[in-house]
Every structure is written in C-alpha cells, then in structure tokens.
C-alpha cells in the first residue's frame, strides 16, 4: 500500500513563495485586443501538521491593452486554512 498524495514538510515548517504570471490574450496580426495581464504574488505557507496548511497570500495584478476597457489594477490580501483529506 502506498500514499498517492503530495508530501508536505514536517509540522512547524514555513516557506515563502514568490510567483509571477504573464498572460497575453492579444494578437496584433489578427487585430485582437484581448489584453495583457501581469500578476505578482507572495505567499506565506505554515504547515500546522501533516494534514493542515495555513496560507497568507498578497497579490498585485495589472491588466492593460483591452479593447473597450480602461487599464486597471488590483491588490488583494487573502488567507486560507487548507485541510488535506
């Protein structure tokens, strides 16, 4: 018998994860202006035990170049408690 789940660090471990995502939905050759998105986030993970992870995530997202819409951006701070079962 084996465990098919994702292994997690030992209880009490902490980690910081820096993420970046770039998405381009525009195509100048086809004259499609779907926009471009840049998304930066920093996540703090704390492993309470083998089955529980507490996460705090801050992100900044900027969208520009969309036809019919102004450029805009948003900053979000979120937290969650994840239970693996």
PDB file of N, CA and C in Angstrom:
ATOM      1  N   UNK A   1       0.844  -1.162   0.000  1.00  0.00           N
ATOM      2  CA  UNK A   1       0.000   0.000   0.000  1.00  0.00           C
ATOM      3  C   UNK A   1       0.897   1.235   0.000  1.00  0.00           C
ATOM      4  N   UNK A   2       0.537   2.222  -0.809  1.00  0.00           N
ATOM      5  CA  UNK A   2       1.321   3.450  -0.876  1.00  0.00           C
ATOM      6  C   UNK A   2       0.423   4.672  -0.797  1.00  0.00           C
ATOM      7  N   UNK A   3       1.041   5.793  -0.500  1.00  0.00           N
ATOM      8  CA  UNK A   3       0.325   7.058  -0.413  1.00  0.00           C
ATOM      9  C   UNK A   3       0.503   7.802  -1.731  1.00  0.00           C
ATOM     10  N   UNK A   4      -0.610   8.195  -2.358  1.00  0.00           N
ATOM     11  CA  UNK A   4      -0.540   8.886  -3.638  1.00  0.00           C
ATOM     12  C   UNK A   4      -0.653  10.391  -3.520  1.00  0.00           C
ATOM     13  N   UNK A   5      -0.651  10.918  -2.308  1.00  0.00           N
ATOM     14  CA  UNK A   5      -0.799  12.365  -2.107  1.00  0.00           C
ATOM     15  C   UNK A   5       0.523  13.095  -2.239  1.00  0.00           C
ATOM     16  N   UNK A   6       0.446  14.401  -2.209  1.00  0.00           N
ATOM     17  CA  UNK A   6       1.645  15.237  -2.266  1.00  0.00           C
ATOM     18  C   UNK A   6       2.249  15.317  -0.871  1.00  0.00           C
ATOM     19  N   UNK A   7       3.532  15.067  -0.779  1.00  0.00           N
ATOM     20  CA  UNK A   7       4.214  15.117   0.512  1.00  0.00           C
ATOM     21  C   UNK A   7       4.309  16.561   1.000  1.00  0.00           C
ATOM     22  N   UNK A   8       4.176  16.753   2.293  1.00  0.00           N
ATOM     23  CA  UNK A   8       4.305  18.076   2.890  1.00  0.00           C
ATOM     24  C   UNK A   8       5.458  18.065   3.887  1.00  0.00           C
ATOM     25  N   UNK A   9       6.046  19.226   4.137  1.00  0.00           N
ATOM     26  CA  UNK A   9       7.113  19.306   5.131  1.00  0.00           C
ATOM     27  C   UNK A   9       6.606  18.957   6.531  1.00  0.00           C
ATOM     28  N   UNK A  10       7.514  18.807   7.432  1.00  0.00           N
ATOM     29  CA  UNK A  10       7.179  18.476   8.821  1.00  0.00           C
ATOM     30  C   UNK A  10       6.410  19.624   9.475  1.00  0.00           C
ATOM     31  N   UNK A  11       5.610  19.322  10.511  1.00  0.00           N
ATOM     32  CA  UNK A  11       4.871  20.373  11.225  1.00  0.00           C
ATOM     33  C   UNK A  11       5.812  21.475  11.730  1.00  0.00           C
ATOM     34  N   UNK A  12       5.365  22.719  11.621  1.00  0.00           N
ATOM     35  CA  UNK A  12       6.158  23.851  12.066  1.00  0.00           C
ATOM     36  C   UNK A  12       6.994  24.499  10.974  1.00  0.00           C
ATOM     37  N   UNK A  13       7.109  23.851   9.819  1.00  0.00           N
ATOM     38  CA  UNK A  13       7.890  24.439   8.734  1.00  0.00           C
ATOM     39  C   UNK A  13       7.142  25.621   8.126  1.00  0.00           C
ATOM     40  N   UNK A  14       7.922  26.594   7.645  1.00  0.00           N
ATOM     41  CA  UNK A  14       7.375  27.782   6.991  1.00  0.00           C
ATOM     42  C   UNK A  14       8.086  27.956   5.658  1.00  0.00           C
ATOM     43  N   UNK A  15       7.367  28.561   4.690  1.00  0.00           N
ATOM     44  CA  UNK A  15       8.010  28.866   3.414  1.00  0.00           C
ATOM     45  C   UNK A  15       7.367  30.107   2.801  1.00  0.00           C
ATOM     46  N   UNK A  16       8.176  30.814   2.025  1.00  0.00           N
ATOM     47  CA  UNK A  16       7.699  31.947   1.248  1.00  0.00           C
ATOM     48  C   UNK A  16       7.824  31.575  -0.222  1.00  0.00           C
ATOM     49  N   UNK A  17       6.799  31.890  -1.001  1.00  0.00           N
ATOM     50  CA  UNK A  17       6.788  31.570  -2.423  1.00  0.00           C
ATOM     51  C   UNK A  17       6.497  32.855  -3.197  1.00  0.00           C
ATOM     52  N   UNK A  18       7.384  33.229  -4.095  1.00  0.00           N
ATOM     53  CA  UNK A  18       7.197  34.382  -4.962  1.00  0.00           C
ATOM     54  C   UNK A  18       6.764  33.864  -6.327  1.00  0.00           C
ATOM     55  N   UNK A  19       5.652  34.391  -6.851  1.00  0.00           N
ATOM     56  CA  UNK A  19       5.115  33.908  -8.120  1.00  0.00           C
ATOM     57  C   UNK A  19       4.903  35.071  -9.074  1.00  0.00           C
ATOM     58  N   UNK A  20       5.062  34.782 -10.361  1.00  0.00           N
ATOM     59  CA  UNK A  20       4.789  35.765 -11.405  1.00  0.00           C
ATOM     60  C   UNK A  20       4.063  35.071 -12.540  1.00  0.00           C
ATOM     61  N   UNK A  21       3.036  35.729 -13.070  1.00  0.00           N
ATOM     62  CA  UNK A  21       2.288  35.191 -14.205  1.00  0.00           C
ATOM     63  C   UNK A  21       2.102  36.303 -15.227  1.00  0.00           C
ATOM     64  N   UNK A  22       2.380  35.998 -16.482  1.00  0.00           N
ATOM     65  CA  UNK A  22       2.134  36.918 -17.590  1.00  0.00           C
ATOM     66  C   UNK A  22       1.229  36.211 -18.579  1.00  0.00           C
ATOM     67  N   UNK A  23       0.099  36.837 -18.896  1.00  0.00           N
ATOM     68  CA  UNK A  23      -0.840  36.275 -19.859  1.00  0.00           C
ATOM     69  C   UNK A  23      -1.118  37.320 -20.923  1.00  0.00           C
ATOM     70  N   UNK A  24      -0.989  36.933 -22.192  1.00  0.00           N
ATOM     71  CA  UNK A  24      -1.225  37.834 -23.317  1.00  0.00           C
ATOM     72  C   UNK A  24      -2.345  37.256 -24.175  1.00  0.00           C
ATOM     73  N   UNK A  25      -3.489  37.934 -24.182  1.00  0.00           N
ATOM     74  CA  UNK A  25      -4.633  37.491 -24.979  1.00  0.00           C
ATOM     75  C   UNK A  25      -4.810  38.350 -26.227  1.00  0.00           C
ATOM     76  N   UNK A  26      -3.780  39.090 -26.589  1.00  0.00           N
ATOM     77  CA  UNK A  26      -3.836  39.943 -27.778  1.00  0.00           C
ATOM     78  C   UNK A  26      -3.028  39.323 -28.907  1.00  0.00           C
ATOM     79  N   UNK A  27      -3.450  39.655 -30.149  1.00  0.00           N
ATOM     80  CA  UNK A  27      -2.738  39.205 -31.344  1.00  0.00           C
ATOM     81  C   UNK A  27      -2.798  40.339 -32.353  1.00  0.00           C
ATOM     82  N   UNK A  28      -1.676  41.047 -32.525  1.00  0.00           N
ATOM     83  CA  UNK A  28      -1.666  42.215 -33.406  1.00  0.00           C
ATOM     84  C   UNK A  28      -1.900  41.828 -34.868  1.00  0.00           C
ATOM     85  N   UNK A  29      -1.467  40.660 -35.288  1.00  0.00           N
ATOM     86  CA  UNK A  29      -1.665  40.230 -36.681  1.00  0.00           C
ATOM     87  C   UNK A  29      -3.143  39.985 -36.994  1.00  0.00           C
ATOM     88  N   UNK A  30      -3.898  39.516 -36.015  1.00  0.00           N
ATOM     89  CA  UNK A  30      -5.324  39.244 -36.214  1.00  0.00           C
ATOM     90  C   UNK A  30      -6.198  40.402 -35.724  1.00  0.00           C
ATOM     91  N   UNK A  31      -5.569  41.497 -35.259  1.00  0.00           N
ATOM     92  CA  UNK A  31      -6.266  42.660 -34.723  1.00  0.00           C
ATOM     93  C   UNK A  31      -7.178  42.299 -33.541  1.00  0.00           C
ATOM     94  N   UNK A  32      -6.671  41.442 -32.680  1.00  0.00           N
ATOM     95  CA  UNK A  32      -7.392  41.051 -31.462  1.00  0.00           C
ATOM     96  C   UNK A  32      -6.742  41.769 -30.284  1.00  0.00           C
ATOM     97  N   UNK A  33      -7.539  42.528 -29.537  1.00  0.00           N
ATOM     98  CA  UNK A  33      -7.033  43.257 -28.371  1.00  0.00           C
ATOM     99  C   UNK A  33      -7.685  42.683 -27.114  1.00  0.00           C
ATOM    100  N   UNK A  34      -7.259  41.504 -26.737  1.00  0.00           N
ATOM    101  CA  UNK A  34      -7.800  40.843 -25.550  1.00  0.00           C
ATOM    102  C   UNK A  34      -7.172  41.310 -24.256  1.00  0.00           C
ATOM    103  N   UNK A  35      -6.001  41.936 -24.351  1.00  0.00           N
ATOM    104  CA  UNK A  35      -5.347  42.483 -23.179  1.00  0.00           C
ATOM    105  C   UNK A  35      -4.172  41.646 -22.695  1.00  0.00           C
ATOM    106  N   UNK A  36      -3.429  42.273 -21.805  1.00  0.00           N
ATOM    107  CA  UNK A  36      -2.262  41.627 -21.186  1.00  0.00           C
ATOM    108  C   UNK A  36      -2.382  41.747 -19.676  1.00  0.00           C
ATOM    109  N   UNK A  37      -2.003  40.678 -19.000  1.00  0.00           N
ATOM    110  CA  UNK A  37      -2.088  40.684 -17.546  1.00  0.00           C
ATOM    111  C   UNK A  37      -0.721  40.340 -16.952  1.00  0.00           C
ATOM    112  N   UNK A  38      -0.316  41.126 -15.972  1.00  0.00           N
ATOM    113  CA  UNK A  38       0.873  40.845 -15.166  1.00  0.00           C
ATOM    114  C   UNK A  38       0.399  40.639 -13.741  1.00  0.00           C
ATOM    115  N   UNK A  39       0.785  39.520 -13.141  1.00  0.00           N
ATOM    116  CA  UNK A  39       0.331  39.188 -11.793  1.00  0.00           C
ATOM    117  C   UNK A  39       1.524  38.769 -10.949  1.00  0.00           C
ATOM    118  N   UNK A  40       1.758  39.511  -9.871  1.00  0.00           N
ATOM    119  CA  UNK A  40       2.814  39.196  -8.904  1.00  0.00           C
ATOM    120  C   UNK A  40       2.149  38.788  -7.596  1.00  0.00           C
ATOM    121  N   UNK A  41       2.687  37.762  -6.940  1.00  0.00           N
ATOM    122  CA  UNK A  41       2.152  37.393  -5.634  1.00  0.00           C
ATOM    123  C   UNK A  41       3.256  36.839  -4.740  1.00  0.00           C
ATOM    124  N   UNK A  42       3.051  37.027  -3.446  1.00  0.00           N
ATOM    125  CA  UNK A  42       3.937  36.481  -2.425  1.00  0.00           C
ATOM    126  C   UNK A  42       3.062  35.704  -1.456  1.00  0.00           C
ATOM    127  N   UNK A  43       3.407  34.440  -1.254  1.00  0.00           N
ATOM    128  CA  UNK A  43       2.610  33.560  -0.403  1.00  0.00           C
ATOM    129  C   UNK A  43       3.462  33.063   0.761  1.00  0.00           C
ATOM    130  N   UNK A  44       2.867  33.079   1.951  1.00  0.00           N
ATOM    131  CA  UNK A  44       3.489  32.525   3.160  1.00  0.00           C
ATOM    132  C   UNK A  44       2.720  31.255   3.520  1.00  0.00           C
ATOM    133  N   UNK A  45       3.411  30.125   3.595  1.00  0.00           N
ATOM    134  CA  UNK A  45       2.806  28.847   3.973  1.00  0.00           C
ATOM    135  C   UNK A  45       3.347  28.405   5.325  1.00  0.00           C
ATOM    136  N   UNK A  46       2.445  28.007   6.208  1.00  0.00           N
ATOM    137  CA  UNK A  46       2.833  27.469   7.505  1.00  0.00           C
ATOM    138  C   UNK A  46       2.169  26.102   7.661  1.00  0.00           C
ATOM    139  N   UNK A  47       2.966  25.078   7.877  1.00  0.00           N
ATOM    140  CA  UNK A  47       2.473  23.703   7.968  1.00  0.00           C
ATOM    141  C   UNK A  47       2.164  23.377   9.423  1.00  0.00           C
ATOM    142  N   UNK A  48       0.884  23.393   9.768  1.00  0.00           N
ATOM    143  CA  UNK A  48       0.455  23.142  11.145  1.00  0.00           C
ATOM    144  C   UNK A  48       0.700  21.695  11.554  1.00  0.00           C
ATOM    145  N   UNK A  49       0.361  20.768  10.674  1.00  0.00           N
ATOM    146  CA  UNK A  49       0.632  19.344  10.876  1.00  0.00           C
ATOM    147  C   UNK A  49       0.606  18.672   9.508  1.00  0.00           C
ATOM    148  N   UNK A  50       0.582  17.356   9.476  1.00  0.00           N
ATOM    149  CA  UNK A  50       0.653  16.616   8.216  1.00  0.00           C
ATOM    150  C   UNK A  50      -0.528  16.918   7.295  1.00  0.00           C
ATOM    151  N   UNK A  51      -1.653  17.322   7.859  1.00  0.00           N
ATOM    152  CA  UNK A  51      -2.875  17.481   7.071  1.00  0.00           C
ATOM    153  C   UNK A  51      -3.391  18.919   6.959  1.00  0.00           C
ATOM    154  N   UNK A  52      -2.732  19.876   7.602  1.00  0.00           N
ATOM    155  CA  UNK A  52      -3.242  21.250   7.597  1.00  0.00           C
ATOM    156  C   UNK A  52      -2.152  22.257   7.226  1.00  0.00           C
ATOM    157  N   UNK A  53      -2.507  23.180   6.323  1.00  0.00           N
ATOM    158  CA  UNK A  53      -1.605  24.241   5.885  1.00  0.00           C
ATOM    159  C   UNK A  53      -2.348  25.568   6.002  1.00  0.00           C
ATOM    160  N   UNK A  54      -1.702  26.548   6.628  1.00  0.00           N
ATOM    161  CA  UNK A  54      -2.267  27.893   6.703  1.00  0.00           C
ATOM    162  C   UNK A  54      -1.510  28.748   5.697  1.00  0.00           C
ATOM    163  N   UNK A  55      -2.261  29.459   4.842  1.00  0.00           N
ATOM    164  CA  UNK A  55      -1.644  30.281   3.803  1.00  0.00           C
ATOM    165  C   UNK A  55      -2.115  31.722   3.897  1.00  0.00           C
ATOM    166  N   UNK A  56      -1.163  32.646   3.673  1.00  0.00           N
ATOM    167  CA  UNK A  56      -1.463  34.064   3.545  1.00  0.00           C
ATOM    168  C   UNK A  56      -0.839  34.494   2.218  1.00  0.00           C
ATOM    169  N   UNK A  57      -1.669  35.101   1.365  1.00  0.00           N
ATOM    170  CA  UNK A  57      -1.207  35.459   0.015  1.00  0.00           C
ATOM    171  C   UNK A  57      -1.545  36.909  -0.281  1.00  0.00           C
ATOM    172  N   UNK A  58      -0.549  37.654  -0.748  1.00  0.00           N
ATOM    173  CA  UNK A  58      -0.754  39.009  -1.223  1.00  0.00           C
ATOM    174  C   UNK A  58      -0.434  39.053  -2.700  1.00  0.00           C
ATOM    175  N   UNK A  59      -1.289  39.714  -3.496  1.00  0.00           N
ATOM    176  CA  UNK A  59      -1.031  39.772  -4.932  1.00  0.00           C
ATOM    177  C   UNK A  59      -1.337  41.156  -5.485  1.00  0.00           C
ATOM    178  N   UNK A  60      -0.670  41.470  -6.580  1.00  0.00           N
ATOM    179  CA  UNK A  60      -0.892  42.702  -7.325  1.00  0.00           C
ATOM    180  C   UNK A  60      -1.040  42.311  -8.787  1.00  0.00           C
ATOM    181  N   UNK A  61      -2.171  42.686  -9.387  1.00  0.00           N
ATOM    182  CA  UNK A  61      -2.469  42.328 -10.764  1.00  0.00           C
ATOM    183  C   UNK A  61      -2.758  43.586 -11.566  1.00  0.00           C
ATOM    184  N   UNK A  62      -2.150  43.678 -12.743  1.00  0.00           N
ATOM    185  CA  UNK A  62      -2.372  44.807 -13.639  1.00  0.00           C
ATOM    186  C   UNK A  62      -2.817  44.257 -14.992  1.00  0.00           C
ATOM    187  N   UNK A  63      -3.898  44.824 -15.527  1.00  0.00           N
ATOM    188  CA  UNK A  63      -4.418  44.429 -16.843  1.00  0.00           C
ATOM    189  C   UNK A  63      -4.432  45.661 -17.727  1.00  0.00           C
ATOM    190  N   UNK A  64      -3.919  45.526 -18.963  1.00  0.00           N
ATOM    191  CA  UNK A  64      -3.923  46.654 -19.894  1.00  0.00           C
ATOM    192  C   UNK A  64      -4.094  46.162 -21.332  1.00  0.00           C
ATOM    193  N   UNK A  65      -4.394  47.094 -22.226  1.00  0.00           N
ATOM    194  CA  UNK A  65      -4.477  46.783 -23.643  1.00  0.00           C
ATOM    195  C   UNK A  65      -5.752  46.091 -24.094  1.00  0.00           C
ATOM    196  N   UNK A  66      -6.827  46.168 -23.309  1.00  0.00           N
ATOM    197  CA  UNK A  66      -8.079  45.528 -23.727  1.00  0.00           C
ATOM    198  C   UNK A  66      -8.929  46.506 -24.525  1.00  0.00           C
ATOM    199  N   UNK A  67      -9.527  46.042 -25.598  1.00  0.00           N
ATOM    200  CA  UNK A  67     -10.396  46.879 -26.423  1.00  0.00           C
ATOM    201  C   UNK A  67     -11.671  47.207 -25.649  1.00  0.00           C
ATOM    202  N   UNK A  68     -11.993  48.503 -25.555  1.00  0.00           N
ATOM    203  CA  UNK A  68     -13.229  48.921 -24.907  1.00  0.00           C
ATOM    204  C   UNK A  68     -13.154  49.046 -23.395  1.00  0.00           C
ATOM    205  N   UNK A  69     -11.994  48.807 -22.802  1.00  0.00           N
ATOM    206  CA  UNK A  69     -11.844  48.888 -21.350  1.00  0.00           C
ATOM    207  C   UNK A  69     -10.611  49.706 -20.999  1.00  0.00           C
ATOM    208  N   UNK A  70     -10.686  50.415 -19.888  1.00  0.00           N
ATOM    209  CA  UNK A  70      -9.519  51.143 -19.399  1.00  0.00           C
ATOM    210  C   UNK A  70      -8.546  50.180 -18.732  1.00  0.00           C
ATOM    211  N   UNK A  71      -7.286  50.577 -18.651  1.00  0.00           N
ATOM    212  CA  UNK A  71      -6.305  49.789 -17.901  1.00  0.00           C
ATOM    213  C   UNK A  71      -6.685  49.845 -16.428  1.00  0.00           C
ATOM    214  N   UNK A  72      -6.471  48.748 -15.724  1.00  0.00           N
ATOM    215  CA  UNK A  72      -6.755  48.756 -14.287  1.00  0.00           C
ATOM    216  C   UNK A  72      -5.839  47.795 -13.554  1.00  0.00           C
ATOM    217  N   UNK A  73      -5.866  47.905 -12.236  1.00  0.00           N
ATOM    218  CA  UNK A  73      -5.046  47.050 -11.384  1.00  0.00           C
ATOM    219  C   UNK A  73      -5.774  46.813 -10.068  1.00  0.00           C
ATOM    220  N   UNK A  74      -5.365  45.738  -9.405  1.00  0.00           N
ATOM    221  CA  UNK A  74      -5.981  45.389  -8.124  1.00  0.00           C
ATOM    222  C   UNK A  74      -4.923  44.747  -7.225  1.00  0.00           C
ATOM    223  N   UNK A  75      -5.020  45.044  -5.930  1.00  0.00           N
ATOM    224  CA  UNK A  75      -4.179  44.399  -4.920  1.00  0.00           C
ATOM    225  C   UNK A  75      -5.093  43.621  -3.980  1.00  0.00           C
ATOM    226  N   UNK A  76      -4.694  42.412  -3.655  1.00  0.00           N
ATOM    227  CA  UNK A  76      -5.535  41.540  -2.828  1.00  0.00           C
ATOM    228  C   UNK A  76      -4.680  40.897  -1.735  1.00  0.00           C
ATOM    229  N   UNK A  77      -5.231  40.825  -0.529  1.00  0.00           N
ATOM    230  CA  UNK A  77      -4.638  40.085   0.575  1.00  0.00           C
ATOM    231  C   UNK A  77      -5.650  39.035   1.002  1.00  0.00           C
ATOM    232  N   UNK A  78      -5.247  37.770   0.998  1.00  0.00           N
ATOM    233  CA  UNK A  78      -6.173  36.694   1.338  1.00  0.00           C
ATOM    234  C   UNK A  78      -5.484  35.668   2.229  1.00  0.00           C
ATOM    235  N   UNK A  79      -6.285  34.928   2.961  1.00  0.00           N
ATOM    236  CA  UNK A  79      -5.767  33.855   3.809  1.00  0.00           C
ATOM    237  C   UNK A  79      -6.688  32.657   3.710  1.00  0.00           C
ATOM    238  N   UNK A  80      -6.144  31.488   3.988  1.00  0.00           N
ATOM    239  CA  UNK A  80      -6.963  30.276   3.975  1.00  0.00           C
ATOM    240  C   UNK A  80      -6.304  29.199   4.833  1.00  0.00           C
ATOM    241  N   UNK A  81      -7.136  28.319   5.295  1.00  0.00           N
ATOM    242  CA  UNK A  81      -6.682  27.134   6.015  1.00  0.00           C
ATOM    243  C   UNK A  81      -7.027  25.940   5.144  1.00  0.00           C
ATOM    244  N   UNK A  82      -6.014  25.221   4.704  1.00  0.00           N
ATOM    245  CA  UNK A  82      -6.214  24.088   3.806  1.00  0.00           C
ATOM    246  C   UNK A  82      -6.108  22.795   4.584  1.00  0.00           C
ATOM    247  N   UNK A  83      -7.110  21.949   4.429  1.00  0.00           N
ATOM    248  CA  UNK A  83      -7.123  20.639   5.087  1.00  0.00           C
ATOM    249  C   UNK A  83      -7.048  19.568   4.017  1.00  0.00           C
ATOM    250  N   UNK A  84      -6.043  18.723   4.103  1.00  0.00           N
ATOM    251  CA  UNK A  84      -5.891  17.625   3.142  1.00  0.00           C
ATOM    252  C   UNK A  84      -6.561  16.369   3.701  1.00  0.00           C
ATOM    253  N   UNK A  85      -7.409  15.774   2.917  1.00  0.00           N
ATOM    254  CA  UNK A  85      -8.029  14.505   3.331  1.00  0.00           C
ATOM    255  C   UNK A  85      -8.237  13.604   2.166  1.00  0.00           C
TER     256      UNK A  85
END
